[in-house]
Amino acid sequence: MDIHDWSIGTVDYHTAGEPFRIVPTLPFEIAGDTVLAKRMAAATGPANTLRRLLVNEPRGHADMYGGFIVPPNDPGAHFGVLFWHKDGFSTACGHGTMALGAWAVRSGMVPAPNDGVTDVVIDVPSGRVTAQVTTVAGCIESVTFCNVPSYVAARNIAVQTPDFGTLTVDVLWGGALYASLPARKAGLHITPSDLNALIAAGRQIKAALADHPAAKHPSEPRLDGIYGTIFHEDAESAGGLLAQRNVTIFADGQVDRSPCGSGTAARVAALDDSGELLHGAELAHLSIVESRFTASVLARDDGGVVVAVRGNAYPVGVSTFTLDPRDELGLGFVLR
């Protein structure tokens, strides 16, 4: 089927300010017997073409995010998803999982009571995750992302950067590998006025770790690679909770407007490991735009912690995207 014959329906959500464009039905199949295998196959061919069409300007933008709905690995999940951004397909996406949970309940794909909690089970490249959707009087009050086990992969790695000197980072797993450090160590604050410098520092840290042993997943090479850099700082406490503000610079300079779902899980693993997050306590995790997730350890598993991250997701639009064969911009462009 020619791309100019495609008519792609999407449902757009945001989770704590971060966009998520859902494609419920694809005009083609993606090879692979698991979602992880499909992620590898999607890097080329029509799936990658469609990703570019939906993420590039004028249909998207440099910080666009979305997902293709695909079959699950087995009947134990409701569906699978391939997460994508301007630079390719990611292994995990917590804010996207929250949006998918809300979408699945709102659309009726997964039936939910007027009052109660509904588990939406989703296969993602990093494993099986759950979006617990809480409804009150028929409305979605919150969505809790229950992640794959998160853990500290390495502590105190020194990295050399061109513009920020030698920085010391931790490498954390939350469904993807993240470098993590206090923003002040790079001379920065988590504020929009420092955004360009945060992007530059995040890119330089990721590049410096490209060949580091800590950038390797311990058992699955298809999950290798530092996905992003998490900068964090203390925030004003809310209701006695441990509170931090963060920004995640992921892929090639993309900025997460939300507190980052999988990144929040990774930070909880680090704070649990250091003893800063007490047993049974919650983390109030704020973003660069002051949106908020609340997170805690749900269970302990195989040297890691299963983290529950609570937030909410809201629909913002429904679209049908096409490509006119006379359009000289074709699949579009990005300016960053």
C-alpha atoms as a PDB file:
ATOM      1  CA  MET A   1       0.000   0.000   0.000  1.00  0.00           C
ATOM      2  CA  ASP A   2       1.461   3.338  -1.076  1.00  0.00           C
ATOM      3  CA  ILE A   3       2.000   5.939   1.642  1.00  0.00           C
ATOM      4  CA  HIS A   4      -0.128   8.415  -0.295  1.00  0.00           C
ATOM      5  CA  ASP A   5      -3.070   6.025   0.097  1.00  0.00           C
ATOM      6  CA  TRP A   6      -2.745   5.924   3.881  1.00  0.00           C
ATOM      7  CA  SER A   7      -5.372   7.564   6.058  1.00  0.00           C
ATOM      8  CA  ILE A   8      -4.021   7.376   9.587  1.00  0.00           C
ATOM      9  CA  GLY A   9      -6.385   7.921  12.485  1.00  0.00           C
ATOM     10  CA  THR A  10      -4.847   9.047  15.780  1.00  0.00           C
ATOM     11  CA  VAL A  11      -6.036   9.903  19.270  1.00  0.00           C
ATOM     12  CA  ASP A  12      -3.808  12.445  21.009  1.00  0.00           C
ATOM     13  CA  TYR A  13      -3.360  12.597  24.781  1.00  0.00           C
ATOM     14  CA  HIS A  14      -1.110  14.438  27.176  1.00  0.00           C
ATOM     15  CA  THR A  15       0.206  13.106  30.473  1.00  0.00           C
ATOM     16  CA  ALA A  16       1.361  15.864  32.817  1.00  0.00           C
ATOM     17  CA  GLY A  17       2.038  18.026  29.764  1.00  0.00           C
ATOM     18  CA  GLU A  18       3.922  15.467  27.656  1.00  0.00           C
ATOM     19  CA  PRO A  19       2.231  14.530  24.347  1.00  0.00           C
ATOM     20  CA  PHE A  20       1.333  11.002  23.333  1.00  0.00           C
ATOM     21  CA  ARG A  21      -0.139  10.261  19.897  1.00  0.00           C
ATOM     22  CA  ILE A  22      -1.911   6.891  19.757  1.00  0.00           C
ATOM     23  CA  VAL A  23      -2.334   5.023  16.456  1.00  0.00           C
ATOM     24  CA  PRO A  24      -4.979   2.360  17.183  1.00  0.00           C
ATOM     25  CA  THR A  25      -4.897   0.727  13.723  1.00  0.00           C
ATOM     26  CA  LEU A  26      -1.954   0.359  11.343  1.00  0.00           C
ATOM     27  CA  PRO A  27      -2.323  -0.009   7.552  1.00  0.00           C
ATOM     28  CA  PHE A  28       0.333  -2.767   7.578  1.00  0.00           C
ATOM     29  CA  GLU A  29       1.670  -5.554   9.790  1.00  0.00           C
ATOM     30  CA  ILE A  30       5.002  -5.442  11.614  1.00  0.00           C
ATOM     31  CA  ALA A  31       7.018  -8.646  11.677  1.00  0.00           C
ATOM     32  CA  GLY A  32       8.006 -10.288  14.964  1.00  0.00           C
ATOM     33  CA  ASP A  33       6.545 -12.707  17.487  1.00  0.00           C
ATOM     34  CA  THR A  34       7.035 -10.331  20.450  1.00  0.00           C
ATOM     35  CA  VAL A  35       6.750  -6.595  20.945  1.00  0.00           C
ATOM     36  CA  LEU A  36      10.518  -6.411  21.439  1.00  0.00           C
ATOM     37  CA  ALA A  37      11.079  -8.204  18.119  1.00  0.00           C
ATOM     38  CA  LYS A  38       8.585  -5.873  16.439  1.00  0.00           C
ATOM     39  CA  ARG A  39      10.527  -2.890  17.794  1.00  0.00           C
ATOM     40  CA  MET A  40      13.639  -4.118  16.011  1.00  0.00           C
ATOM     41  CA  ALA A  41      11.710  -4.748  12.772  1.00  0.00           C
ATOM     42  CA  ALA A  42      10.024  -1.331  12.934  1.00  0.00           C
ATOM     43  CA  ALA A  43      13.349   0.485  12.607  1.00  0.00           C
ATOM     44  CA  THR A  44      13.082   0.096   8.823  1.00  0.00           C
ATOM     45  CA  GLY A  45      10.210  -0.208   6.389  1.00  0.00           C
ATOM     46  CA  PRO A  46       6.689   1.232   6.562  1.00  0.00           C
ATOM     47  CA  ALA A  47       6.584   1.527  10.367  1.00  0.00           C
ATOM     48  CA  ASN A  48       9.541   3.878  10.334  1.00  0.00           C
ATOM     49  CA  THR A  49       8.045   5.825   7.429  1.00  0.00           C
ATOM     50  CA  LEU A  50       4.822   6.292   9.382  1.00  0.00           C
ATOM     51  CA  ARG A  51       6.751   7.313  12.489  1.00  0.00           C
ATOM     52  CA  ARG A  52       8.485  10.045  10.497  1.00  0.00           C
ATOM     53  CA  LEU A  53       5.204  11.219   8.973  1.00  0.00           C
ATOM     54  CA  LEU A  54       3.552  11.612  12.392  1.00  0.00           C
ATOM     55  CA  VAL A  55       6.458  13.032  14.375  1.00  0.00           C
ATOM     56  CA  ASN A  56       7.949  15.441  11.832  1.00  0.00           C
ATOM     57  CA  GLU A  57       6.688  18.946  11.222  1.00  0.00           C
ATOM     58  CA  PRO A  58       4.152  20.030  10.071  1.00  0.00           C
ATOM     59  CA  ARG A  59       2.175  17.119  11.604  1.00  0.00           C
ATOM     60  CA  GLY A  60       4.324  16.874  14.716  1.00  0.00           C
ATOM     61  CA  HIS A  61       7.371  18.523  16.239  1.00  0.00           C
ATOM     62  CA  ALA A  62      10.822  17.726  17.616  1.00  0.00           C
ATOM     63  CA  ASP A  63       9.450  16.720  21.027  1.00  0.00           C
ATOM     64  CA  MET A  64       6.533  14.641  19.743  1.00  0.00           C
ATOM     65  CA  TYR A  65       5.925  11.179  21.203  1.00  0.00           C
ATOM     66  CA  GLY A  66       3.515   8.400  20.308  1.00  0.00           C
ATOM     67  CA  GLY A  67       2.781   4.725  19.991  1.00  0.00           C
ATOM     68  CA  PHE A  68       1.537   2.118  17.525  1.00  0.00           C
ATOM     69  CA  ILE A  69      -0.918  -0.406  18.946  1.00  0.00           C
ATOM     70  CA  VAL A  70       0.221  -3.953  18.085  1.00  0.00           C
ATOM     71  CA  PRO A  71      -0.788  -7.456  19.218  1.00  0.00           C
ATOM     72  CA  PRO A  72       0.428  -8.490  22.691  1.00  0.00           C
ATOM     73  CA  ASN A  73       3.040 -11.175  23.269  1.00  0.00           C
ATOM     74  CA  ASP A  74       0.325 -13.533  24.516  1.00  0.00           C
ATOM     75  CA  PRO A  75      -3.301 -13.386  25.731  1.00  0.00           C
ATOM     76  CA  GLY A  76      -2.145 -12.271  29.197  1.00  0.00           C
ATOM     77  CA  ALA A  77      -2.030  -8.631  28.016  1.00  0.00           C
ATOM     78  CA  HIS A  78      -4.751  -6.511  26.449  1.00  0.00           C
ATOM     79  CA  PHE A  79      -2.460  -5.208  23.690  1.00  0.00           C
ATOM     80  CA  GLY A  80       1.115  -4.276  22.856  1.00  0.00           C
ATOM     81  CA  VAL A  81       2.625  -0.946  21.884  1.00  0.00           C
ATOM     82  CA  LEU A  82       5.645   0.317  19.987  1.00  0.00           C
ATOM     83  CA  PHE A  83       6.741   3.665  21.417  1.00  0.00           C
ATOM     84  CA  TRP A  84       8.272   6.208  19.047  1.00  0.00           C
ATOM     85  CA  HIS A  85       9.820   9.664  19.007  1.00  0.00           C
ATOM     86  CA  LYS A  86      11.702  11.801  16.486  1.00  0.00           C
ATOM     87  CA  ASP A  87      14.814   9.592  16.558  1.00  0.00           C
ATOM     88  CA  GLY A  88      13.314   6.109  16.527  1.00  0.00           C
ATOM     89  CA  PHE A  89      11.571   3.557  18.731  1.00  0.00           C
ATOM     90  CA  SER A  90      12.116   3.432  22.496  1.00  0.00           C
ATOM     91  CA  THR A  91      12.102   0.504  24.910  1.00  0.00           C
ATOM     92  CA  ALA A  92       9.774   2.066  27.484  1.00  0.00           C
ATOM     93  CA  CYS A  93       7.496   5.024  28.101  1.00  0.00           C
ATOM     94  CA  GLY A  94       5.741   5.555  31.414  1.00  0.00           C
ATOM     95  CA  HIS A  95       3.775   8.639  30.449  1.00  0.00           C
ATOM     96  CA  GLY A  96       2.662   6.821  27.301  1.00  0.00           C
ATOM     97  CA  THR A  97       1.550   3.827  29.358  1.00  0.00           C
ATOM     98  CA  MET A  98      -0.597   6.141  31.486  1.00  0.00           C
ATOM     99  CA  ALA A  99      -2.129   7.679  28.366  1.00  0.00           C
ATOM    100  CA  LEU A 100      -2.804   4.222  26.929  1.00  0.00           C
ATOM    101  CA  GLY A 101      -4.544   3.135  30.124  1.00  0.00           C
ATOM    102  CA  ALA A 102      -6.810   6.174  30.040  1.00  0.00           C
ATOM    103  CA  TRP A 103      -7.472   5.690  26.315  1.00  0.00           C
ATOM    104  CA  ALA A 104      -8.269   1.982  26.696  1.00  0.00           C
ATOM    105  CA  VAL A 105     -10.867   2.725  29.380  1.00  0.00           C
ATOM    106  CA  ARG A 106     -12.335   5.828  27.704  1.00  0.00           C
ATOM    107  CA  SER A 107     -12.677   4.037  24.372  1.00  0.00           C
ATOM    108  CA  GLY A 108     -14.330   0.986  25.952  1.00  0.00           C
ATOM    109  CA  MET A 109     -11.540  -1.281  24.726  1.00  0.00           C
ATOM    110  CA  VAL A 110     -11.077  -2.381  28.343  1.00  0.00           C
ATOM    111  CA  PRO A 111     -14.372  -2.285  30.285  1.00  0.00           C
ATOM    112  CA  ALA A 112     -14.271  -0.404  33.580  1.00  0.00           C
ATOM    113  CA  PRO A 113     -16.784   0.157  36.391  1.00  0.00           C
ATOM    114  CA  ASN A 114     -18.077   3.608  37.255  1.00  0.00           C
ATOM    115  CA  ASP A 115     -16.209   3.352  40.542  1.00  0.00           C
ATOM    116  CA  GLY A 116     -13.141   1.203  41.004  1.00  0.00           C
ATOM    117  CA  VAL A 117      -9.710   0.290  39.667  1.00  0.00           C
ATOM    118  CA  THR A 118      -9.207  -1.372  36.279  1.00  0.00           C
ATOM    119  CA  ASP A 119      -5.935  -3.002  35.250  1.00  0.00           C
ATOM    120  CA  VAL A 120      -4.939  -2.363  31.638  1.00  0.00           C
ATOM    121  CA  VAL A 121      -2.115  -4.805  30.897  1.00  0.00           C
ATOM    122  CA  ILE A 122       0.267  -3.797  28.108  1.00  0.00           C
ATOM    123  CA  ASP A 123       3.262  -5.500  26.502  1.00  0.00           C
ATOM    124  CA  VAL A 124       6.069  -3.015  25.774  1.00  0.00           C
ATOM    125  CA  PRO A 125       9.598  -3.721  24.477  1.00  0.00           C
ATOM    126  CA  SER A 126      11.071  -3.794  28.003  1.00  0.00           C
ATOM    127  CA  GLY A 127       8.441  -6.208  29.345  1.00  0.00           C
ATOM    128  CA  ARG A 128       4.873  -6.343  30.623  1.00  0.00           C
ATOM    129  CA  VAL A 129       3.507  -3.284  32.428  1.00  0.00           C
ATOM    130  CA  THR A 130       0.159  -2.302  33.885  1.00  0.00           C
ATOM    131  CA  ALA A 131      -1.823   0.922  33.872  1.00  0.00           C
ATOM    132  CA  GLN A 132      -4.182   0.905  36.853  1.00  0.00           C
ATOM    133  CA  VAL A 133      -7.052   3.218  35.973  1.00  0.00           C
ATOM    134  CA  THR A 134      -9.087   4.586  38.880  1.00  0.00           C
ATOM    135  CA  THR A 135     -12.603   5.732  38.024  1.00  0.00           C
ATOM    136  CA  VAL A 136     -14.957   7.723  40.247  1.00  0.00           C
ATOM    137  CA  ALA A 137     -18.536   8.368  39.124  1.00  0.00           C
ATOM    138  CA  GLY A 138     -17.550   7.270  35.614  1.00  0.00           C
ATOM    139  CA  CYS A 139     -14.615   9.693  35.335  1.00  0.00           C
ATOM    140  CA  ILE A 140     -10.935   8.807  35.352  1.00  0.00           C
ATOM    141  CA  GLU A 141      -9.472  10.193  38.556  1.00  0.00           C
ATOM    142  CA  SER A 142      -5.928   8.853  38.160  1.00  0.00           C
ATOM    143  CA  VAL A 143      -3.762   6.369  36.284  1.00  0.00           C
ATOM    144  CA  THR A 144      -0.970   4.452  38.004  1.00  0.00           C
ATOM    145  CA  PHE A 145       1.886   3.073  35.907  1.00  0.00           C
ATOM    146  CA  CYS A 146       3.233  -0.185  37.388  1.00  0.00           C
ATOM    147  CA  ASN A 147       6.595  -0.707  35.740  1.00  0.00           C
ATOM    148  CA  VAL A 148       9.000  -3.552  35.121  1.00  0.00           C
ATOM    149  CA  PRO A 149      11.520  -3.898  37.987  1.00  0.00           C
ATOM    150  CA  SER A 150      13.833  -0.873  38.276  1.00  0.00           C
ATOM    151  CA  TYR A 151      17.331  -0.844  39.733  1.00  0.00           C
ATOM    152  CA  VAL A 152      20.645   0.963  40.055  1.00  0.00           C
ATOM    153  CA  ALA A 153      22.968  -0.321  37.315  1.00  0.00           C
ATOM    154  CA  ALA A 154      26.086   1.626  38.348  1.00  0.00           C
ATOM    155  CA  ARG A 155      27.090   4.398  40.735  1.00  0.00           C
ATOM    156  CA  ASN A 156      29.565   7.276  40.478  1.00  0.00           C
ATOM    157  CA  ILE A 157      30.678   7.048  36.863  1.00  0.00           C
ATOM    158  CA  ALA A 158      32.915   9.954  35.827  1.00  0.00           C
ATOM    159  CA  VAL A 159      32.159  11.305  32.365  1.00  0.00           C
ATOM    160  CA  GLN A 160      34.045  13.955  30.425  1.00  0.00           C
ATOM    161  CA  THR A 161      31.958  16.579  28.651  1.00  0.00           C
ATOM    162  CA  PRO A 162      33.167  19.331  26.300  1.00  0.00           C
ATOM    163  CA  ASP A 163      31.268  22.174  27.971  1.00  0.00           C
ATOM    164  CA  PHE A 164      30.509  21.038  31.527  1.00  0.00           C
ATOM    165  CA  GLY A 165      33.760  19.416  32.575  1.00  0.00           C
ATOM    166  CA  THR A 166      33.917  16.104  34.429  1.00  0.00           C
ATOM    167  CA  LEU A 167      30.539  15.041  35.775  1.00  0.00           C
ATOM    168  CA  THR A 168      29.711  12.101  38.007  1.00  0.00           C
ATOM    169  CA  VAL A 169      26.551  10.180  37.159  1.00  0.00           C
ATOM    170  CA  ASP A 170      24.626   7.123  38.258  1.00  0.00           C
ATOM    171  CA  VAL A 171      23.177   4.772  35.643  1.00  0.00           C
ATOM    172  CA  LEU A 172      19.655   3.592  36.437  1.00  0.00           C
ATOM    173  CA  TRP A 173      17.248   1.154  34.805  1.00  0.00           C
ATOM    174  CA  GLY A 174      13.530   1.946  34.679  1.00  0.00           C
ATOM    175  CA  GLY A 175      12.621   0.113  31.469  1.00  0.00           C
ATOM    176  CA  ALA A 176      15.369   2.079  29.752  1.00  0.00           C
ATOM    177  CA  LEU A 177      18.848   3.067  30.895  1.00  0.00           C
ATOM    178  CA  TYR A 178      19.270   6.596  32.223  1.00  0.00           C
ATOM    179  CA  ALA A 179      22.225   8.630  33.421  1.00  0.00           C
ATOM    180  CA  SER A 180      21.216  10.573  36.541  1.00  0.00           C
ATOM    181  CA  LEU A 181      22.828  13.479  38.384  1.00  0.00           C
ATOM    182  CA  PRO A 182      21.979  16.606  40.380  1.00  0.00           C
ATOM    183  CA  ALA A 183      21.513  19.570  38.031  1.00  0.00           C
ATOM    184  CA  ARG A 184      23.737  21.765  40.247  1.00  0.00           C
ATOM    185  CA  LYS A 185      26.718  19.502  39.473  1.00  0.00           C
ATOM    186  CA  ALA A 186      26.543  20.858  35.914  1.00  0.00           C
ATOM    187  CA  GLY A 187      25.983  24.394  37.199  1.00  0.00           C
ATOM    188  CA  LEU A 188      22.320  24.272  36.185  1.00  0.00           C
ATOM    189  CA  HIS A 189      18.818  24.541  37.624  1.00  0.00           C
ATOM    190  CA  ILE A 190      15.685  22.799  36.419  1.00  0.00           C
ATOM    191  CA  THR A 191      13.996  25.833  35.011  1.00  0.00           C
ATOM    192  CA  PRO A 192      12.914  26.794  31.491  1.00  0.00           C
ATOM    193  CA  SER A 193      15.580  29.514  31.455  1.00  0.00           C
ATOM    194  CA  ASP A 194      18.282  26.799  31.618  1.00  0.00           C
ATOM    195  CA  LEU A 195      16.589  24.527  29.095  1.00  0.00           C
ATOM    196  CA  ASN A 196      19.068  24.931  26.227  1.00  0.00           C
ATOM    197  CA  ALA A 197      21.993  24.236  28.548  1.00  0.00           C
ATOM    198  CA  LEU A 198      20.205  21.220  30.033  1.00  0.00           C
ATOM    199  CA  ILE A 199      19.675  19.840  26.515  1.00  0.00           C
ATOM    200  CA  ALA A 200      23.345  20.370  25.670  1.00  0.00           C
ATOM    201  CA  ALA A 201      24.523  18.723  28.890  1.00  0.00           C
ATOM    202  CA  GLY A 202      22.142  15.809  28.460  1.00  0.00           C
ATOM    203  CA  ARG A 203      23.374  15.168  24.940  1.00  0.00           C
ATOM    204  CA  GLN A 204      27.023  15.369  25.995  1.00  0.00           C
ATOM    205  CA  ILE A 205      26.562  12.972  28.914  1.00  0.00           C
ATOM    206  CA  LYS A 206      24.724  10.465  26.740  1.00  0.00           C
ATOM    207  CA  ALA A 207      27.445  10.650  24.080  1.00  0.00           C
ATOM    208  CA  ALA A 208      30.192  10.167  26.673  1.00  0.00           C
ATOM    209  CA  LEU A 209      28.528   6.964  27.907  1.00  0.00           C
ATOM    210  CA  ALA A 210      27.891   5.469  24.476  1.00  0.00           C
ATOM    211  CA  ASP A 211      30.566   2.769  24.786  1.00  0.00           C
ATOM    212  CA  HIS A 212      30.612   2.440  28.566  1.00  0.00           C
ATOM    213  CA  PRO A 213      29.931  -1.022  30.075  1.00  0.00           C
ATOM    214  CA  ALA A 214      27.104   0.511  32.142  1.00  0.00           C
ATOM    215  CA  ALA A 215      25.261   1.242  28.889  1.00  0.00           C
ATOM    216  CA  LYS A 216      24.801  -2.501  28.347  1.00  0.00           C
ATOM    217  CA  HIS A 217      21.692  -4.307  29.574  1.00  0.00           C
ATOM    218  CA  PRO A 218      22.781  -7.290  31.694  1.00  0.00           C
ATOM    219  CA  SER A 219      20.790  -9.907  29.767  1.00  0.00           C
ATOM    220  CA  GLU A 220      19.187  -8.450  26.616  1.00  0.00           C
ATOM    221  CA  PRO A 221      21.399  -6.674  24.038  1.00  0.00           C
ATOM    222  CA  ARG A 222      18.310  -5.333  22.273  1.00  0.00           C
ATOM    223  CA  LEU A 223      17.765  -3.102  25.343  1.00  0.00           C
ATOM    224  CA  ASP A 224      21.314  -1.690  25.343  1.00  0.00           C
ATOM    225  CA  GLY A 225      22.096   2.014  25.277  1.00  0.00           C
ATOM    226  CA  ILE A 226      21.673   5.091  27.455  1.00  0.00           C
ATOM    227  CA  TYR A 227      18.255   6.439  26.552  1.00  0.00           C
ATOM    228  CA  GLY A 228      18.421   9.741  28.382  1.00  0.00           C
ATOM    229  CA  THR A 229      19.862  11.915  31.126  1.00  0.00           C
ATOM    230  CA  ILE A 230      17.865  12.795  34.240  1.00  0.00           C
ATOM    231  CA  PHE A 231      18.781  16.043  35.996  1.00  0.00           C
ATOM    232  CA  HIS A 232      17.265  16.416  39.461  1.00  0.00           C
ATOM    233  CA  GLU A 233      17.132  18.799  42.393  1.00  0.00           C
ATOM    234  CA  ASP A 234      15.273  19.054  45.685  1.00  0.00           C
ATOM    235  CA  ALA A 235      11.852  20.661  45.601  1.00  0.00           C
ATOM    236  CA  GLU A 236       9.611  22.116  48.273  1.00  0.00           C
ATOM    237  CA  SER A 237       8.023  19.283  50.218  1.00  0.00           C
ATOM    238  CA  ALA A 238       4.298  18.666  49.798  1.00  0.00           C
ATOM    239  CA  GLY A 239       2.438  17.056  52.687  1.00  0.00           C
ATOM    240  CA  GLY A 240       5.617  15.688  54.184  1.00  0.00           C
ATOM    241  CA  LEU A 241       6.595  13.774  51.045  1.00  0.00           C
ATOM    242  CA  LEU A 242      10.136  13.631  49.745  1.00  0.00           C
ATOM    243  CA  ALA A 243       9.947  16.035  46.812  1.00  0.00           C
ATOM    244  CA  GLN A 244      12.269  16.444  43.844  1.00  0.00           C
ATOM    245  CA  ARG A 245      12.113  18.278  40.525  1.00  0.00           C
ATOM    246  CA  ASN A 246      13.596  16.701  37.432  1.00  0.00           C
ATOM    247  CA  VAL A 247      13.910  16.996  33.698  1.00  0.00           C
ATOM    248  CA  THR A 248      14.754  14.110  31.408  1.00  0.00           C
ATOM    249  CA  ILE A 249      16.638  14.838  28.190  1.00  0.00           C
ATOM    250  CA  PHE A 250      16.095  11.747  26.065  1.00  0.00           C
ATOM    251  CA  ALA A 251      16.843  10.421  22.579  1.00  0.00           C
ATOM    252  CA  ASP A 252      18.701  13.219  20.744  1.00  0.00           C
ATOM    253  CA  GLY A 253      17.870  16.273  22.823  1.00  0.00           C
ATOM    254  CA  GLN A 254      14.162  15.690  23.379  1.00  0.00           C
ATOM    255  CA  VAL A 255      12.716  17.221  26.546  1.00  0.00           C
ATOM    256  CA  ASP A 256      10.137  15.419  28.654  1.00  0.00           C
ATOM    257  CA  ARG A 257       7.532  17.926  29.813  1.00  0.00           C
ATOM    258  CA  SER A 258       6.195  15.430  32.349  1.00  0.00           C
ATOM    259  CA  PRO A 259       8.242  14.135  35.301  1.00  0.00           C
ATOM    260  CA  CYS A 260       8.960  11.113  33.034  1.00  0.00           C
ATOM    261  CA  GLY A 261       7.230   7.864  34.002  1.00  0.00           C
ATOM    262  CA  SER A 262      10.037   5.363  33.452  1.00  0.00           C
ATOM    263  CA  GLY A 263      12.546   7.952  34.652  1.00  0.00           C
ATOM    264  CA  THR A 264      10.528   8.420  37.844  1.00  0.00           C
ATOM    265  CA  ALA A 265      10.666   4.659  38.400  1.00  0.00           C
ATOM    266  CA  ALA A 266      14.429   4.779  37.915  1.00  0.00           C
ATOM    267  CA  ARG A 267      14.777   7.654  40.398  1.00  0.00           C
ATOM    268  CA  VAL A 268      12.685   5.796  42.994  1.00  0.00           C
ATOM    269  CA  ALA A 269      15.016   2.811  42.610  1.00  0.00           C
ATOM    270  CA  ALA A 270      18.001   5.094  43.252  1.00  0.00           C
ATOM    271  CA  LEU A 271      16.412   6.823  46.247  1.00  0.00           C
ATOM    272  CA  ASP A 272      15.349   3.490  47.715  1.00  0.00           C
ATOM    273  CA  ASP A 273      18.869   2.130  47.226  1.00  0.00           C
ATOM    274  CA  SER A 274      20.443   5.138  48.972  1.00  0.00           C
ATOM    275  CA  GLY A 275      17.924   5.109  51.822  1.00  0.00           C
ATOM    276  CA  GLU A 276      16.675   8.615  51.003  1.00  0.00           C
ATOM    277  CA  LEU A 277      13.189   7.289  50.253  1.00  0.00           C
ATOM    278  CA  LEU A 278      12.067   5.533  53.405  1.00  0.00           C
ATOM    279  CA  HIS A 279      10.251   2.219  53.336  1.00  0.00           C
ATOM    280  CA  GLY A 280       6.604   2.815  52.470  1.00  0.00           C
ATOM    281  CA  ALA A 281       7.144   6.504  51.647  1.00  0.00           C
ATOM    282  CA  GLU A 282       6.186   8.316  48.460  1.00  0.00           C
ATOM    283  CA  LEU A 283       8.163  10.590  46.179  1.00  0.00           C
ATOM    284  CA  ALA A 284       6.521  13.742  44.863  1.00  0.00           C
ATOM    285  CA  HIS A 285       8.210  14.141  41.478  1.00  0.00           C
ATOM    286  CA  LEU A 286       7.831  17.468  39.688  1.00  0.00           C
ATOM    287  CA  SER A 287       8.659  18.357  36.096  1.00  0.00           C
ATOM    288  CA  ILE A 288      10.234  21.401  34.505  1.00  0.00           C
ATOM    289  CA  VAL A 289       6.698  22.749  33.944  1.00  0.00           C
ATOM    290  CA  GLU A 290       5.686  21.933  37.561  1.00  0.00           C
ATOM    291  CA  SER A 291       3.400  19.028  36.654  1.00  0.00           C
ATOM    292  CA  ARG A 292       3.555  16.161  39.148  1.00  0.00           C
ATOM    293  CA  PHE A 293       3.698  12.404  39.569  1.00  0.00           C
ATOM    294  CA  THR A 294       3.633  10.565  42.885  1.00  0.00           C
ATOM    295  CA  ALA A 295       5.616   7.336  43.118  1.00  0.00           C
ATOM    296  CA  SER A 296       6.492   4.604  45.581  1.00  0.00           C
ATOM    297  CA  VAL A 297       7.907   1.084  45.782  1.00  0.00           C
ATOM    298  CA  LEU A 298       5.122  -1.419  45.133  1.00  0.00           C
ATOM    299  CA  ALA A 299       7.177  -4.596  45.541  1.00  0.00           C
ATOM    300  CA  ARG A 300      10.724  -5.960  45.452  1.00  0.00           C
ATOM    301  CA  ASP A 301      11.748  -8.290  42.664  1.00  0.00           C
ATOM    302  CA  ASP A 302      15.036  -9.919  41.592  1.00  0.00           C
ATOM    303  CA  GLY A 303      17.339  -7.254  42.975  1.00  0.00           C
ATOM    304  CA  GLY A 304      15.110  -4.436  41.779  1.00  0.00           C
ATOM    305  CA  VAL A 305      11.966  -2.642  42.866  1.00  0.00           C
ATOM    306  CA  VAL A 306       8.585  -2.586  41.159  1.00  0.00           C
ATOM    307  CA  VAL A 307       7.587   1.071  41.199  1.00  0.00           C
ATOM    308  CA  ALA A 308       4.069   2.505  40.961  1.00  0.00           C
ATOM    309  CA  VAL A 309       3.901   6.000  39.422  1.00  0.00           C
ATOM    310  CA  ARG A 310       0.585   7.846  39.765  1.00  0.00           C
ATOM    311  CA  GLY A 311      -0.617  10.665  37.532  1.00  0.00           C
ATOM    312  CA  ASN A 312      -3.331  11.265  34.968  1.00  0.00           C
ATOM    313  CA  ALA A 313      -3.727  11.613  31.208  1.00  0.00           C
ATOM    314  CA  TYR A 314      -6.212  13.619  29.192  1.00  0.00           C
ATOM    315  CA  PRO A 315      -7.428  13.516  25.575  1.00  0.00           C
ATOM    316  CA  VAL A 316      -6.568  16.580  23.527  1.00  0.00           C
ATOM    317  CA  GLY A 317      -7.701  15.708  20.016  1.00  0.00           C
ATOM    318  CA  VAL A 318      -8.583  13.221  17.305  1.00  0.00           C
ATOM    319  CA  SER A 319      -6.976  13.474  13.872  1.00  0.00           C
ATOM    320  CA  THR A 320      -6.714  11.831  10.484  1.00  0.00           C
ATOM    321  CA  PHE A 321      -3.339  12.288   8.797  1.00  0.00           C
ATOM    322  CA  THR A 322      -2.602  11.953   5.092  1.00  0.00           C
ATOM    323  CA  LEU A 323       0.185  12.777   2.631  1.00  0.00           C
ATOM    324  CA  ASP A 324      -0.737  14.482  -0.627  1.00  0.00           C
ATOM    325  CA  PRO A 325       1.466  13.119  -3.477  1.00  0.00           C
ATOM    326  CA  ARG A 326       1.979  16.719  -4.657  1.00  0.00           C
ATOM    327  CA  ASP A 327       3.341  17.862  -1.277  1.00  0.00           C
ATOM    328  CA  GLU A 328       6.962  18.802  -1.936  1.00  0.00           C
ATOM    329  CA  LEU A 329       7.786  18.542   1.818  1.00  0.00           C
ATOM    330  CA  GLY A 330       6.979  14.848   1.757  1.00  0.00           C
ATOM    331  CA  LEU A 331       7.447  13.242   5.179  1.00  0.00           C
ATOM    332  CA  GLY A 332       8.270  16.636   6.641  1.00  0.00           C
ATOM    333  CA  PHE A 333      11.180  17.947   8.692  1.00  0.00           C
ATOM    334  CA  VAL A 334      12.379  18.849  12.179  1.00  0.00           C
ATOM    335  CA  LEU A 335      14.276  22.004  13.062  1.00  0.00           C
ATOM    336  CA  ARG A 336      16.135  20.509  16.040  1.00  0.00           C
END
